[in-house]
Amino acid sequence: MLKLLMVAGLLLAQNDAGNQPAPDNAQPAANQPADAAAGDPDKSQEQPAAAAKPPGLASMLTPMLLIFGLFYLMFMMPERKKRANLKQQLDQLKTNDQILTIGGILGKVSRVNKEADEVTLILDDSNNTRMKVVRSAIRQILTDEDKNK
């Protein structure tokens, strides 16, 4: 898909360059002054063709904007949705939820302290091992589907 958008941007740039009018440097003989027609060698020579104009700003920005738009749609928007979803889940965090931390630690929530922005986890029920983590260290709140994996 990225290649398709890049090709489309390049085609648009070429199309913009192709639509620019060619400079009209060659004048017909009827419009030349009388002394040029009389044989003055300096003035009777044709003027050299003007250098090709550089592509316009729009034709250069079009591919860049297409690439940025694609980058936003593929990377930035899904990440923003994921962060918003995790923030909503962290706001609804309650006792006995199973979570996964960014360090890979699995635990069950025993207490949520929203003022201190920390969560106390029970790591092992048999010997009552507890651990305090900050809420930003929680990667995922596990559901029943995640627990069966």
Foldseek 3Di string as FASTA:
>chain_A
DLVVLLVVLLVVQVVQLVPDDADDQDDDPVPDDPVLVVPDVVRVDGDDGDDRDDGDPCSVCSSVVSVVVVCCVPPVVVVVVLVVVLVVVLVVDDFQWWFAFLVGQIFTWHDQDVVVQKTKTQRDPVVRDIDIDGSVRTDDTDDPVNVVD
